[in-house]
Protein backbone atom coordinates (compact mmCIF):
# COMPACT_ATOMS: atom_id res chain seq x y z
CA UNK A 1 0.00 0.00 0.00
CA UNK A 2 1.30 3.46 -0.90
CA UNK A 3 2.30 5.77 1.95
CA UNK A 4 -0.33 8.41 1.08
CA UNK A 5 -3.08 5.79 1.00
CA UNK A 6 -1.88 4.33 4.30
CA UNK A 7 -1.88 7.76 5.99
CA UNK A 8 -5.37 8.50 4.63
CA UNK A 9 -6.66 5.18 5.99
CA UNK A 10 -5.15 5.84 9.42
CA UNK A 11 -6.90 9.22 9.59
CA UNK A 12 -10.35 7.74 8.88
CA UNK A 13 -11.40 8.34 12.49
CA UNK A 14 -11.23 12.09 11.93
CA UNK A 15 -14.02 11.87 9.36
CA UNK A 16 -12.13 14.49 7.39
CA UNK A 17 -13.83 16.42 4.62
CA UNK A 18 -10.43 16.99 3.00
CA UNK A 19 -7.02 15.37 3.32
CA UNK A 20 -4.25 16.67 1.09
CA UNK A 21 -0.83 15.04 1.27
CA UNK A 22 2.22 16.23 -0.61
CA UNK A 23 5.35 14.08 -0.70
CA UNK A 24 8.31 16.47 -0.31
CA UNK A 25 10.88 13.72 0.22
CA UNK A 26 12.83 14.55 -2.92
CA UNK A 27 13.45 18.08 -1.62
CA UNK A 28 15.23 16.63 1.43
CA UNK A 29 17.22 13.82 -0.14
CA UNK A 30 20.80 13.85 1.10
CA UNK A 31 20.15 16.19 4.03
CA UNK A 32 22.04 15.37 7.18
CA UNK A 33 19.85 13.33 9.49
CA UNK A 34 17.58 12.11 6.67
CA UNK A 35 18.23 8.46 7.46
CA UNK A 36 14.91 7.07 6.35
CA UNK A 37 11.26 7.79 5.91
CA UNK A 38 9.72 10.49 3.83
CA UNK A 39 8.93 14.15 4.29
CA UNK A 40 5.27 15.05 3.90
CA UNK A 41 3.15 18.22 3.98
CA UNK A 42 -0.40 17.48 5.00
CA UNK A 43 -3.63 19.49 5.15
CA UNK A 44 -6.48 17.93 7.15
CA UNK A 45 -9.97 19.41 7.44
CA UNK A 46 -12.24 17.88 10.06
CA UNK A 47 -15.22 18.87 12.14
CA UNK A 48 -13.59 16.97 15.00
CA UNK A 49 -11.12 19.87 15.29
CA UNK A 50 -13.87 22.26 16.42
CA UNK A 51 -13.14 23.60 19.89
CA UNK A 52 -9.62 22.12 19.88
CA UNK A 53 -6.47 24.21 20.09
CA UNK A 54 -3.80 23.81 17.43
CA UNK A 55 -1.56 21.59 19.58
CA UNK A 56 -4.47 19.27 20.39
CA UNK A 57 -5.28 18.98 16.70
CA UNK A 58 -1.68 18.11 15.92
CA UNK A 59 -1.64 15.52 18.70
CA UNK A 60 -4.77 13.92 17.25
CA UNK A 61 -3.12 13.51 13.84
CA UNK A 62 0.28 12.46 15.17
CA UNK A 63 -1.38 9.92 17.43
CA UNK A 64 -3.05 8.29 14.45
CA UNK A 65 0.16 8.03 12.40
CA UNK A 66 2.56 7.35 15.28
CA UNK A 67 3.53 3.87 14.07
CA UNK A 68 4.49 5.29 10.68
CA UNK A 69 6.69 7.93 12.36
CA UNK A 70 9.03 5.14 13.45
CA UNK A 71 10.23 4.35 9.94
CA UNK A 72 7.98 5.50 7.07
CA UNK A 73 7.62 9.19 7.95
CA UNK A 74 10.68 11.22 8.88
CA UNK A 75 9.00 14.64 8.91
CA UNK A 76 5.41 15.80 8.80
CA UNK A 77 4.30 19.39 8.29
CA UNK A 78 0.68 19.76 9.40
CA UNK A 79 -2.01 22.27 8.49
CA UNK A 80 -5.19 21.42 10.37
CA UNK A 81 -8.52 23.22 10.02
CA UNK A 82 -12.19 22.97 10.85
CA UNK A 83 -14.39 23.03 7.74
CA UNK A 84 -15.29 26.65 8.50
CA UNK A 85 -11.65 27.71 8.85
CA UNK A 86 -10.74 25.93 5.64
CA UNK A 87 -13.65 27.51 3.74
CA UNK A 88 -12.62 30.93 5.01
CA UNK A 89 -9.05 30.27 3.90
CA UNK A 90 -10.22 29.22 0.42
CA UNK A 91 -12.55 32.22 0.05
CA UNK A 92 -11.07 35.05 2.13
CA UNK A 93 -13.68 37.59 0.96
CA UNK A 94 -16.61 35.65 2.48
C-alpha atoms as a PDB file:
ATOM      1  CA  UNK A   1       0.000   0.000   0.000  1.00  0.00           C
ATOM      2  CA  UNK A   2       1.295   3.461  -0.896  1.00  0.00           C
ATOM      3  CA  UNK A   3       2.299   5.771   1.954  1.00  0.00           C
ATOM      4  CA  UNK A   4      -0.332   8.411   1.080  1.00  0.00           C
ATOM      5  CA  UNK A   5      -3.079   5.793   1.003  1.00  0.00           C
ATOM      6  CA  UNK A   6      -1.878   4.335   4.299  1.00  0.00           C
ATOM      7  CA  UNK A   7      -1.879   7.763   5.990  1.00  0.00           C
ATOM      8  CA  UNK A   8      -5.368   8.498   4.634  1.00  0.00           C
ATOM      9  CA  UNK A   9      -6.663   5.182   5.987  1.00  0.00           C
ATOM     10  CA  UNK A  10      -5.154   5.836   9.419  1.00  0.00           C
ATOM     11  CA  UNK A  11      -6.897   9.220   9.588  1.00  0.00           C
ATOM     12  CA  UNK A  12     -10.350   7.745   8.881  1.00  0.00           C
ATOM     13  CA  UNK A  13     -11.397   8.335  12.490  1.00  0.00           C
ATOM     14  CA  UNK A  14     -11.227  12.087  11.934  1.00  0.00           C
ATOM     15  CA  UNK A  15     -14.025  11.874   9.364  1.00  0.00           C
ATOM     16  CA  UNK A  16     -12.128  14.495   7.387  1.00  0.00           C
ATOM     17  CA  UNK A  17     -13.832  16.424   4.624  1.00  0.00           C
ATOM     18  CA  UNK A  18     -10.432  16.990   3.005  1.00  0.00           C
ATOM     19  CA  UNK A  19      -7.018  15.372   3.316  1.00  0.00           C
ATOM     20  CA  UNK A  20      -4.253  16.671   1.095  1.00  0.00           C
ATOM     21  CA  UNK A  21      -0.832  15.036   1.270  1.00  0.00           C
ATOM     22  CA  UNK A  22       2.223  16.228  -0.615  1.00  0.00           C
ATOM     23  CA  UNK A  23       5.355  14.081  -0.699  1.00  0.00           C
ATOM     24  CA  UNK A  24       8.307  16.466  -0.312  1.00  0.00           C
ATOM     25  CA  UNK A  25      10.876  13.719   0.216  1.00  0.00           C
ATOM     26  CA  UNK A  26      12.830  14.554  -2.924  1.00  0.00           C
ATOM     27  CA  UNK A  27      13.453  18.082  -1.616  1.00  0.00           C
ATOM     28  CA  UNK A  28      15.226  16.634   1.429  1.00  0.00           C
ATOM     29  CA  UNK A  29      17.216  13.817  -0.143  1.00  0.00           C
ATOM     30  CA  UNK A  30      20.799  13.847   1.101  1.00  0.00           C
ATOM     31  CA  UNK A  31      20.147  16.195   4.033  1.00  0.00           C
ATOM     32  CA  UNK A  32      22.038  15.369   7.185  1.00  0.00           C
ATOM     33  CA  UNK A  33      19.847  13.329   9.491  1.00  0.00           C
ATOM     34  CA  UNK A  34      17.579  12.109   6.674  1.00  0.00           C
ATOM     35  CA  UNK A  35      18.229   8.457   7.462  1.00  0.00           C
ATOM     36  CA  UNK A  36      14.912   7.068   6.347  1.00  0.00           C
ATOM     37  CA  UNK A  37      11.261   7.792   5.914  1.00  0.00           C
ATOM     38  CA  UNK A  38       9.722  10.493   3.830  1.00  0.00           C
ATOM     39  CA  UNK A  39       8.931  14.155   4.292  1.00  0.00           C
ATOM     40  CA  UNK A  40       5.266  15.054   3.903  1.00  0.00           C
ATOM     41  CA  UNK A  41       3.154  18.222   3.984  1.00  0.00           C
ATOM     42  CA  UNK A  42      -0.402  17.483   4.996  1.00  0.00           C
ATOM     43  CA  UNK A  43      -3.634  19.485   5.152  1.00  0.00           C
ATOM     44  CA  UNK A  44      -6.479  17.931   7.147  1.00  0.00           C
ATOM     45  CA  UNK A  45      -9.968  19.411   7.442  1.00  0.00           C
ATOM     46  CA  UNK A  46     -12.237  17.882  10.059  1.00  0.00           C
ATOM     47  CA  UNK A  47     -15.224  18.875  12.137  1.00  0.00           C
ATOM     48  CA  UNK A  48     -13.591  16.971  14.997  1.00  0.00           C
ATOM     49  CA  UNK A  49     -11.115  19.866  15.294  1.00  0.00           C
ATOM     50  CA  UNK A  50     -13.872  22.256  16.424  1.00  0.00           C
ATOM     51  CA  UNK A  51     -13.141  23.602  19.885  1.00  0.00           C
ATOM     52  CA  UNK A  52      -9.620  22.119  19.885  1.00  0.00           C
ATOM     53  CA  UNK A  53      -6.468  24.208  20.095  1.00  0.00           C
ATOM     54  CA  UNK A  54      -3.802  23.814  17.430  1.00  0.00           C
ATOM     55  CA  UNK A  55      -1.560  21.590  19.582  1.00  0.00           C
ATOM     56  CA  UNK A  56      -4.470  19.266  20.392  1.00  0.00           C
ATOM     57  CA  UNK A  57      -5.279  18.976  16.699  1.00  0.00           C
ATOM     58  CA  UNK A  58      -1.675  18.112  15.923  1.00  0.00           C
ATOM     59  CA  UNK A  59      -1.644  15.518  18.699  1.00  0.00           C
ATOM     60  CA  UNK A  60      -4.766  13.924  17.248  1.00  0.00           C
ATOM     61  CA  UNK A  61      -3.118  13.512  13.844  1.00  0.00           C
ATOM     62  CA  UNK A  62       0.284  12.464  15.169  1.00  0.00           C
ATOM     63  CA  UNK A  63      -1.379   9.915  17.431  1.00  0.00           C
ATOM     64  CA  UNK A  64      -3.049   8.295  14.446  1.00  0.00           C
ATOM     65  CA  UNK A  65       0.157   8.032  12.396  1.00  0.00           C
ATOM     66  CA  UNK A  66       2.559   7.353  15.283  1.00  0.00           C
ATOM     67  CA  UNK A  67       3.533   3.867  14.072  1.00  0.00           C
ATOM     68  CA  UNK A  68       4.487   5.292  10.683  1.00  0.00           C
ATOM     69  CA  UNK A  69       6.685   7.926  12.361  1.00  0.00           C
ATOM     70  CA  UNK A  70       9.028   5.140  13.452  1.00  0.00           C
ATOM     71  CA  UNK A  71      10.228   4.347   9.937  1.00  0.00           C
ATOM     72  CA  UNK A  72       7.981   5.496   7.074  1.00  0.00           C
ATOM     73  CA  UNK A  73       7.623   9.188   7.952  1.00  0.00           C
ATOM     74  CA  UNK A  74      10.685  11.216   8.879  1.00  0.00           C
ATOM     75  CA  UNK A  75       8.999  14.639   8.914  1.00  0.00           C
ATOM     76  CA  UNK A  76       5.407  15.797   8.797  1.00  0.00           C
ATOM     77  CA  UNK A  77       4.301  19.391   8.287  1.00  0.00           C
ATOM     78  CA  UNK A  78       0.678  19.762   9.402  1.00  0.00           C
ATOM     79  CA  UNK A  79      -2.006  22.270   8.487  1.00  0.00           C
ATOM     80  CA  UNK A  80      -5.194  21.416  10.369  1.00  0.00           C
ATOM     81  CA  UNK A  81      -8.522  23.220  10.023  1.00  0.00           C
ATOM     82  CA  UNK A  82     -12.186  22.966  10.853  1.00  0.00           C
ATOM     83  CA  UNK A  83     -14.388  23.033   7.740  1.00  0.00           C
ATOM     84  CA  UNK A  84     -15.290  26.650   8.499  1.00  0.00           C
ATOM     85  CA  UNK A  85     -11.654  27.714   8.847  1.00  0.00           C
ATOM     86  CA  UNK A  86     -10.739  25.935   5.636  1.00  0.00           C
ATOM     87  CA  UNK A  87     -13.653  27.507   3.740  1.00  0.00           C
ATOM     88  CA  UNK A  88     -12.620  30.932   5.013  1.00  0.00           C
ATOM     89  CA  UNK A  89      -9.047  30.269   3.901  1.00  0.00           C
ATOM     90  CA  UNK A  90     -10.221  29.225   0.419  1.00  0.00           C
ATOM     91  CA  UNK A  91     -12.554  32.221   0.049  1.00  0.00           C
ATOM     92  CA  UNK A  92     -11.074  35.054   2.134  1.00  0.00           C
ATOM     93  CA  UNK A  93     -13.678  37.586   0.962  1.00  0.00           C
ATOM     94  CA  UNK A  94     -16.610  35.649   2.481  1.00  0.00           C
END
